[in-house]
Amino acid sequence: MTADEFLVAFAVEVGAPMPSPDEIDALLEVASIAAHSSERLAAPLTCWIGGASGRPVSELLAAARRVAPGMAPL
């Protein structure tokens, strides 16, 4: 199963929409910032917290940049 196939199946299973390509890029950057600024386990948990917040992905990326040491804000 490819990543795309898994994501589509998971989205259907949990009744959530698929992120747009721009949202995917931003979410991957959020996860990268979390993983490289802390322990790797911070990446998936940061994304879960972001999803639970209900905020737009652009706000999550800006927040991750503010939290990470040495990152420039958007």
PDB file of N, CA and C in Angstrom:
ATOM      1  N   MET A   1       0.846  -1.170   0.000  1.00  0.00           N
ATOM      2  CA  MET A   1       0.000   0.000   0.000  1.00  0.00           C
ATOM      3  C   MET A   1       0.896   1.241   0.000  1.00  0.00           C
ATOM      4  N   THR A   2       0.589   2.172  -0.886  1.00  0.00           N
ATOM      5  CA  THR A   2       1.357   3.414  -0.927  1.00  0.00           C
ATOM      6  C   THR A   2       0.887   4.354   0.186  1.00  0.00           C
ATOM      7  N   ALA A   3       1.664   5.394   0.412  1.00  0.00           N
ATOM      8  CA  ALA A   3       1.273   6.395   1.404  1.00  0.00           C
ATOM      9  C   ALA A   3      -0.054   7.040   1.010  1.00  0.00           C
ATOM     10  N   ASP A   4      -0.212   7.373  -0.266  1.00  0.00           N
ATOM     11  CA  ASP A   4      -1.465   7.980  -0.723  1.00  0.00           C
ATOM     12  C   ASP A   4      -2.645   7.044  -0.493  1.00  0.00           C
ATOM     13  N   GLU A   5      -2.468   5.775  -0.819  1.00  0.00           N
ATOM     14  CA  GLU A   5      -3.549   4.801  -0.610  1.00  0.00           C
ATOM     15  C   GLU A   5      -3.904   4.690   0.872  1.00  0.00           C
ATOM     16  N   PHE A   6      -2.893   4.653   1.722  1.00  0.00           N
ATOM     17  CA  PHE A   6      -3.143   4.564   3.156  1.00  0.00           C
ATOM     18  C   PHE A   6      -3.882   5.797   3.647  1.00  0.00           C
ATOM     19  N   LEU A   7      -3.412   6.979   3.243  1.00  0.00           N
ATOM     20  CA  LEU A   7      -4.028   8.223   3.709  1.00  0.00           C
ATOM     21  C   LEU A   7      -5.480   8.340   3.264  1.00  0.00           C
ATOM     22  N   VAL A   8      -5.765   7.987   2.028  1.00  0.00           N
ATOM     23  CA  VAL A   8      -7.152   8.026   1.548  1.00  0.00           C
ATOM     24  C   VAL A   8      -8.010   7.045   2.347  1.00  0.00           C
ATOM     25  N   ALA A   9      -7.520   5.823   2.524  1.00  0.00           N
ATOM     26  CA  ALA A   9      -8.289   4.825   3.276  1.00  0.00           C
ATOM     27  C   ALA A   9      -8.497   5.266   4.719  1.00  0.00           C
ATOM     28  N   PHE A  10      -7.479   5.846   5.330  1.00  0.00           N
ATOM     29  CA  PHE A  10      -7.593   6.299   6.716  1.00  0.00           C
ATOM     30  C   PHE A  10      -8.583   7.451   6.813  1.00  0.00           C
ATOM     31  N   ALA A  11      -8.506   8.395   5.877  1.00  0.00           N
ATOM     32  CA  ALA A  11      -9.438   9.527   5.879  1.00  0.00           C
ATOM     33  C   ALA A  11     -10.878   9.031   5.756  1.00  0.00           C
ATOM     34  N   VAL A  12     -11.114   8.078   4.885  1.00  0.00           N
ATOM     35  CA  VAL A  12     -12.462   7.509   4.733  1.00  0.00           C
ATOM     36  C   VAL A  12     -12.879   6.814   6.028  1.00  0.00           C
ATOM     37  N   GLU A  13     -11.971   6.051   6.597  1.00  0.00           N
ATOM     38  CA  GLU A  13     -12.275   5.289   7.826  1.00  0.00           C
ATOM     39  C   GLU A  13     -12.678   6.200   8.974  1.00  0.00           C
ATOM     40  N   VAL A  14     -12.002   7.333   9.121  1.00  0.00           N
ATOM     41  CA  VAL A  14     -12.294   8.222  10.258  1.00  0.00           C
ATOM     42  C   VAL A  14     -13.230   9.367   9.882  1.00  0.00           C
ATOM     43  N   GLY A  15     -13.651   9.423   8.624  1.00  0.00           N
ATOM     44  CA  GLY A  15     -14.599  10.443   8.199  1.00  0.00           C
ATOM     45  C   GLY A  15     -14.022  11.841   8.140  1.00  0.00           C
ATOM     46  N   ALA A  16     -12.751  11.938   7.723  1.00  0.00           N
ATOM     47  CA  ALA A  16     -12.082  13.237   7.643  1.00  0.00           C
ATOM     48  C   ALA A  16     -11.698  13.512   6.189  1.00  0.00           C
ATOM     49  N   PRO A  17     -11.623  14.798   5.828  1.00  0.00           N
ATOM     50  CA  PRO A  17     -11.196  15.118   4.465  1.00  0.00           C
ATOM     51  C   PRO A  17      -9.690  14.943   4.310  1.00  0.00           C
ATOM     52  N   MET A  18      -9.278  14.711   3.087  1.00  0.00           N
ATOM     53  CA  MET A  18      -7.849  14.671   2.780  1.00  0.00           C
ATOM     54  C   MET A  18      -7.318  16.096   2.781  1.00  0.00           C
ATOM     55  N   PRO A  19      -6.103  16.311   3.287  1.00  0.00           N
ATOM     56  CA  PRO A  19      -5.510  17.644   3.206  1.00  0.00           C
ATOM     57  C   PRO A  19      -5.158  17.979   1.752  1.00  0.00           C
ATOM     58  N   SER A  20      -5.156  19.268   1.457  1.00  0.00           N
ATOM     59  CA  SER A  20      -4.742  19.723   0.120  1.00  0.00           C
ATOM     60  C   SER A  20      -3.231  19.532  -0.018  1.00  0.00           C
ATOM     61  N   PRO A  21      -2.722  19.601  -1.243  1.00  0.00           N
ATOM     62  CA  PRO A  21      -1.266  19.506  -1.405  1.00  0.00           C
ATOM     63  C   PRO A  21      -0.505  20.562  -0.595  1.00  0.00           C
ATOM     64  N   ASP A  22      -1.016  21.793  -0.535  1.00  0.00           N
ATOM     65  CA  ASP A  22      -0.356  22.828   0.266  1.00  0.00           C
ATOM     66  C   ASP A  22      -0.402  22.489   1.750  1.00  0.00           C
ATOM     67  N   GLU A  23      -1.529  21.951   2.214  1.00  0.00           N
ATOM     68  CA  GLU A  23      -1.638  21.550   3.619  1.00  0.00           C
ATOM     69  C   GLU A  23      -0.691  20.399   3.935  1.00  0.00           C
ATOM     70  N   ILE A  24      -0.553  19.477   3.005  1.00  0.00           N
ATOM     71  CA  ILE A  24       0.374  18.363   3.203  1.00  0.00           C
ATOM     72  C   ILE A  24       1.791  18.892   3.375  1.00  0.00           C
ATOM     73  N   ASP A  25       2.198  19.808   2.492  1.00  0.00           N
ATOM     74  CA  ASP A  25       3.545  20.386   2.596  1.00  0.00           C
ATOM     75  C   ASP A  25       3.743  21.074   3.941  1.00  0.00           C
ATOM     76  N   ALA A  26       2.747  21.849   4.376  1.00  0.00           N
ATOM     77  CA  ALA A  26       2.857  22.564   5.653  1.00  0.00           C
ATOM     78  C   ALA A  26       2.888  21.590   6.822  1.00  0.00           C
ATOM     79  N   LEU A  27       2.052  20.550   6.785  1.00  0.00           N
ATOM     80  CA  LEU A  27       2.046  19.564   7.870  1.00  0.00           C
ATOM     81  C   LEU A  27       3.374  18.820   7.953  1.00  0.00           C
ATOM     82  N   LEU A  28       3.938  18.488   6.803  1.00  0.00           N
ATOM     83  CA  LEU A  28       5.243  17.827   6.813  1.00  0.00           C
ATOM     84  C   LEU A  28       6.315  18.744   7.380  1.00  0.00           C
ATOM     85  N   GLU A  29       6.199  20.049   7.119  1.00  0.00           N
ATOM     86  CA  GLU A  29       7.155  20.986   7.690  1.00  0.00           C
ATOM     87  C   GLU A  29       6.965  21.108   9.198  1.00  0.00           C
ATOM     88  N   VAL A  30       5.695  21.128   9.651  1.00  0.00           N
ATOM     89  CA  VAL A  30       5.423  21.149  11.097  1.00  0.00           C
ATOM     90  C   VAL A  30       6.069  19.928  11.755  1.00  0.00           C
ATOM     91  N   ALA A  31       5.849  18.760  11.172  1.00  0.00           N
ATOM     92  CA  ALA A  31       6.422  17.533  11.729  1.00  0.00           C
ATOM     93  C   ALA A  31       7.945  17.578  11.721  1.00  0.00           C
ATOM     94  N   SER A  32       8.525  18.107  10.659  1.00  0.00           N
ATOM     95  CA  SER A  32       9.981  18.211  10.565  1.00  0.00           C
ATOM     96  C   SER A  32      10.539  19.150  11.627  1.00  0.00           C
ATOM     97  N   ILE A  33       9.887  20.296  11.802  1.00  0.00           N
ATOM     98  CA  ILE A  33      10.334  21.240  12.829  1.00  0.00           C
ATOM     99  C   ILE A  33      10.293  20.579  14.199  1.00  0.00           C
ATOM    100  N   ALA A  34       9.190  19.903  14.486  1.00  0.00           N
ATOM    101  CA  ALA A  34       9.059  19.240  15.791  1.00  0.00           C
ATOM    102  C   ALA A  34      10.125  18.165  15.977  1.00  0.00           C
ATOM    103  N   ALA A  35      10.349  17.364  14.942  1.00  0.00           N
ATOM    104  CA  ALA A  35      11.301  16.258  15.050  1.00  0.00           C
ATOM    105  C   ALA A  35      12.740  16.746  15.189  1.00  0.00           C
ATOM    106  N   HIS A  36      13.061  17.850  14.547  1.00  0.00           N
ATOM    107  CA  HIS A  36      14.439  18.338  14.585  1.00  0.00           C
ATOM    108  C   HIS A  36      14.708  19.299  15.734  1.00  0.00           C
ATOM    109  N   SER A  37      13.655  19.791  16.369  1.00  0.00           N
ATOM    110  CA  SER A  37      13.820  20.716  17.501  1.00  0.00           C
ATOM    111  C   SER A  37      13.731  20.002  18.834  1.00  0.00           C
ATOM    112  N   SER A  38      13.343  18.746  18.817  1.00  0.00           N
ATOM    113  CA  SER A  38      13.103  17.988  20.039  1.00  0.00           C
ATOM    114  C   SER A  38      13.385  16.524  19.740  1.00  0.00           C
ATOM    115  N   GLU A  39      12.798  15.673  20.529  1.00  0.00           N
ATOM    116  CA  GLU A  39      12.883  14.246  20.249  1.00  0.00           C
ATOM    117  C   GLU A  39      11.953  13.920  19.091  1.00  0.00           C
ATOM    118  N   ARG A  40      12.289  12.911  18.324  1.00  0.00           N
ATOM    119  CA  ARG A  40      11.507  12.559  17.135  1.00  0.00           C
ATOM    120  C   ARG A  40      10.045  12.279  17.452  1.00  0.00           C
ATOM    121  N   LEU A  41       9.762  11.768  18.628  1.00  0.00           N
ATOM    122  CA  LEU A  41       8.373  11.449  18.957  1.00  0.00           C
ATOM    123  C   LEU A  41       7.503  12.694  19.024  1.00  0.00           C
ATOM    124  N   ALA A  42       8.127  13.872  19.071  1.00  0.00           N
ATOM    125  CA  ALA A  42       7.352  15.110  19.097  1.00  0.00           C
ATOM    126  C   ALA A  42       6.617  15.339  17.777  1.00  0.00           C
ATOM    127  N   ALA A  43       7.115  14.815  16.670  1.00  0.00           N
ATOM    128  CA  ALA A  43       6.509  15.083  15.363  1.00  0.00           C
ATOM    129  C   ALA A  43       5.059  14.589  15.262  1.00  0.00           C
ATOM    130  N   PRO A  44       4.797  13.304  15.477  1.00  0.00           N
ATOM    131  CA  PRO A  44       3.402  12.872  15.340  1.00  0.00           C
ATOM    132  C   PRO A  44       2.500  13.462  16.419  1.00  0.00           C
ATOM    133  N   LEU A  45       3.039  13.639  17.611  1.00  0.00           N
ATOM    134  CA  LEU A  45       2.213  14.194  18.686  1.00  0.00           C
ATOM    135  C   LEU A  45       1.905  15.663  18.452  1.00  0.00           C
ATOM    136  N   THR A  46       2.853  16.403  17.879  1.00  0.00           N
ATOM    137  CA  THR A  46       2.615  17.799  17.520  1.00  0.00           C
ATOM    138  C   THR A  46       1.508  17.888  16.471  1.00  0.00           C
ATOM    139  N   CYS A  47       1.545  17.007  15.491  1.00  0.00           N
ATOM    140  CA  CYS A  47       0.501  17.002  14.467  1.00  0.00           C
ATOM    141  C   CYS A  47      -0.856  16.639  15.069  1.00  0.00           C
ATOM    142  N   TRP A  48      -0.880  15.719  16.003  1.00  0.00           N
ATOM    143  CA  TRP A  48      -2.153  15.373  16.663  1.00  0.00           C
ATOM    144  C   TRP A  48      -2.677  16.572  17.444  1.00  0.00           C
ATOM    145  N   ILE A  49      -1.821  17.220  18.211  1.00  0.00           N
ATOM    146  CA  ILE A  49      -2.234  18.391  18.986  1.00  0.00           C
ATOM    147  C   ILE A  49      -2.763  19.470  18.035  1.00  0.00           C
ATOM    148  N   GLY A  50      -2.059  19.686  16.934  1.00  0.00           N
ATOM    149  CA  GLY A  50      -2.504  20.667  15.951  1.00  0.00           C
ATOM    150  C   GLY A  50      -3.867  20.333  15.390  1.00  0.00           C
ATOM    151  N   GLY A  51      -4.082  19.072  15.066  1.00  0.00           N
ATOM    152  CA  GLY A  51      -5.393  18.659  14.557  1.00  0.00           C
ATOM    153  C   GLY A  51      -6.480  18.831  15.594  1.00  0.00           C
ATOM    154  N   ALA A  52      -6.162  18.500  16.833  1.00  0.00           N
ATOM    155  CA  ALA A  52      -7.150  18.635  17.910  1.00  0.00           C
ATOM    156  C   ALA A  52      -7.489  20.097  18.178  1.00  0.00           C
ATOM    157  N   SER A  53      -6.562  21.005  17.843  1.00  0.00           N
ATOM    158  CA  SER A  53      -6.808  22.430  18.090  1.00  0.00           C
ATOM    159  C   SER A  53      -7.837  23.002  17.128  1.00  0.00           C
ATOM    160  N   GLY A  54      -7.981  22.376  15.974  1.00  0.00           N
ATOM    161  CA  GLY A  54      -8.919  22.871  14.981  1.00  0.00           C
ATOM    162  C   GLY A  54      -8.426  24.088  14.211  1.00  0.00           C
ATOM    163  N   ARG A  55      -7.189  24.483  14.450  1.00  0.00           N
ATOM    164  CA  ARG A  55      -6.631  25.655  13.763  1.00  0.00           C
ATOM    165  C   ARG A  55      -6.218  25.300  12.343  1.00  0.00           C
ATOM    166  N   PRO A  56      -6.201  26.294  11.449  1.00  0.00           N
ATOM    167  CA  PRO A  56      -5.723  26.043  10.084  1.00  0.00           C
ATOM    168  C   PRO A  56      -4.247  25.636  10.082  1.00  0.00           C
ATOM    169  N   VAL A  57      -3.872  24.874   9.084  1.00  0.00           N
ATOM    170  CA  VAL A  57      -2.511  24.369   8.989  1.00  0.00           C
ATOM    171  C   VAL A  57      -1.503  25.516   8.959  1.00  0.00           C
ATOM    172  N   SER A  58      -1.844  26.609   8.309  1.00  0.00           N
ATOM    173  CA  SER A  58      -0.917  27.746   8.255  1.00  0.00           C
ATOM    174  C   SER A  58      -0.623  28.281   9.657  1.00  0.00           C
ATOM    175  N   GLU A  59      -1.613  28.289  10.532  1.00  0.00           N
ATOM    176  CA  GLU A  59      -1.398  28.724  11.914  1.00  0.00           C
ATOM    177  C   GLU A  59      -0.539  27.727  12.683  1.00  0.00           C
ATOM    178  N   LEU A  60      -0.713  26.451  12.394  1.00  0.00           N
ATOM    179  CA  LEU A  60       0.093  25.424  13.069  1.00  0.00           C
ATOM    180  C   LEU A  60       1.563  25.574  12.681  1.00  0.00           C
ATOM    181  N   LEU A  61       1.809  25.833  11.412  1.00  0.00           N
ATOM    182  CA  LEU A  61       3.192  26.016  10.963  1.00  0.00           C
ATOM    183  C   LEU A  61       3.801  27.240  11.626  1.00  0.00           C
ATOM    184  N   ALA A  62       3.058  28.325  11.687  1.00  0.00           N
ATOM    185  CA  ALA A  62       3.566  29.535  12.337  1.00  0.00           C
ATOM    186  C   ALA A  62       3.851  29.270  13.812  1.00  0.00           C
ATOM    187  N   ALA A  63       2.973  28.532  14.478  1.00  0.00           N
ATOM    188  CA  ALA A  63       3.173  28.219  15.896  1.00  0.00           C
ATOM    189  C   ALA A  63       4.412  27.349  16.087  1.00  0.00           C
ATOM    190  N   ALA A  64       4.604  26.363  15.224  1.00  0.00           N
ATOM    191  CA  ALA A  64       5.778  25.487  15.324  1.00  0.00           C
ATOM    192  C   ALA A  64       7.049  26.306  15.156  1.00  0.00           C
ATOM    193  N   ARG A  65       7.033  27.250  14.234  1.00  0.00           N
ATOM    194  CA  ARG A  65       8.209  28.096  14.023  1.00  0.00           C
ATOM    195  C   ARG A  65       8.473  28.983  15.235  1.00  0.00           C
ATOM    196  N   ARG A  66       7.415  29.447  15.905  1.00  0.00           N
ATOM    197  CA  ARG A  66       7.606  30.272  17.097  1.00  0.00           C
ATOM    198  C   ARG A  66       8.172  29.460  18.252  1.00  0.00           C
ATOM    199  N   VAL A  67       7.757  28.232  18.368  1.00  0.00           N
ATOM    200  CA  VAL A  67       8.177  27.373  19.489  1.00  0.00           C
ATOM    201  C   VAL A  67       9.601  26.865  19.305  1.00  0.00           C
ATOM    202  N   ALA A  68       9.972  26.547  18.051  1.00  0.00           N
ATOM    203  CA  ALA A  68      11.282  25.960  17.800  1.00  0.00           C
ATOM    204  C   ALA A  68      12.384  26.984  17.958  1.00  0.00           C
ATOM    205  N   PRO A  69      13.427  26.644  18.696  1.00  0.00           N
ATOM    206  CA  PRO A  69      14.549  27.569  18.849  1.00  0.00           C
ATOM    207  C   PRO A  69      15.219  27.862  17.513  1.00  0.00           C
ATOM    208  N   GLY A  70      15.466  29.136  17.249  1.00  0.00           N
ATOM    209  CA  GLY A  70      16.207  29.528  16.068  1.00  0.00           C
ATOM    210  C   GLY A  70      15.424  29.545  14.779  1.00  0.00           C
ATOM    211  N   MET A  71      14.126  29.283  14.828  1.00  0.00           N
ATOM    212  CA  MET A  71      13.311  29.296  13.604  1.00  0.00           C
ATOM    213  C   MET A  71      12.768  30.702  13.376  1.00  0.00           C
ATOM    214  N   ALA A  72      12.752  31.110  12.115  1.00  0.00           N
ATOM    215  CA  ALA A  72      12.173  32.416  11.766  1.00  0.00           C
ATOM    216  C   ALA A  72      10.661  32.259  11.651  1.00  0.00           C
ATOM    217  N   PRO A  73       9.894  33.176  12.229  1.00  0.00           N
ATOM    218  CA  PRO A  73       8.439  33.093  12.087  1.00  0.00           C
ATOM    219  C   PRO A  73       8.029  33.352  10.644  1.00  0.00           C
ATOM    220  N   LEU A  74       6.836  32.891  10.296  1.00  0.00           N
ATOM    221  CA  LEU A  74       6.321  33.128   8.932  1.00  0.00           C
ATOM    222  C   LEU A  74       5.948  34.569   8.757  1.00  0.00           C
TER     223      LEU A  74
END
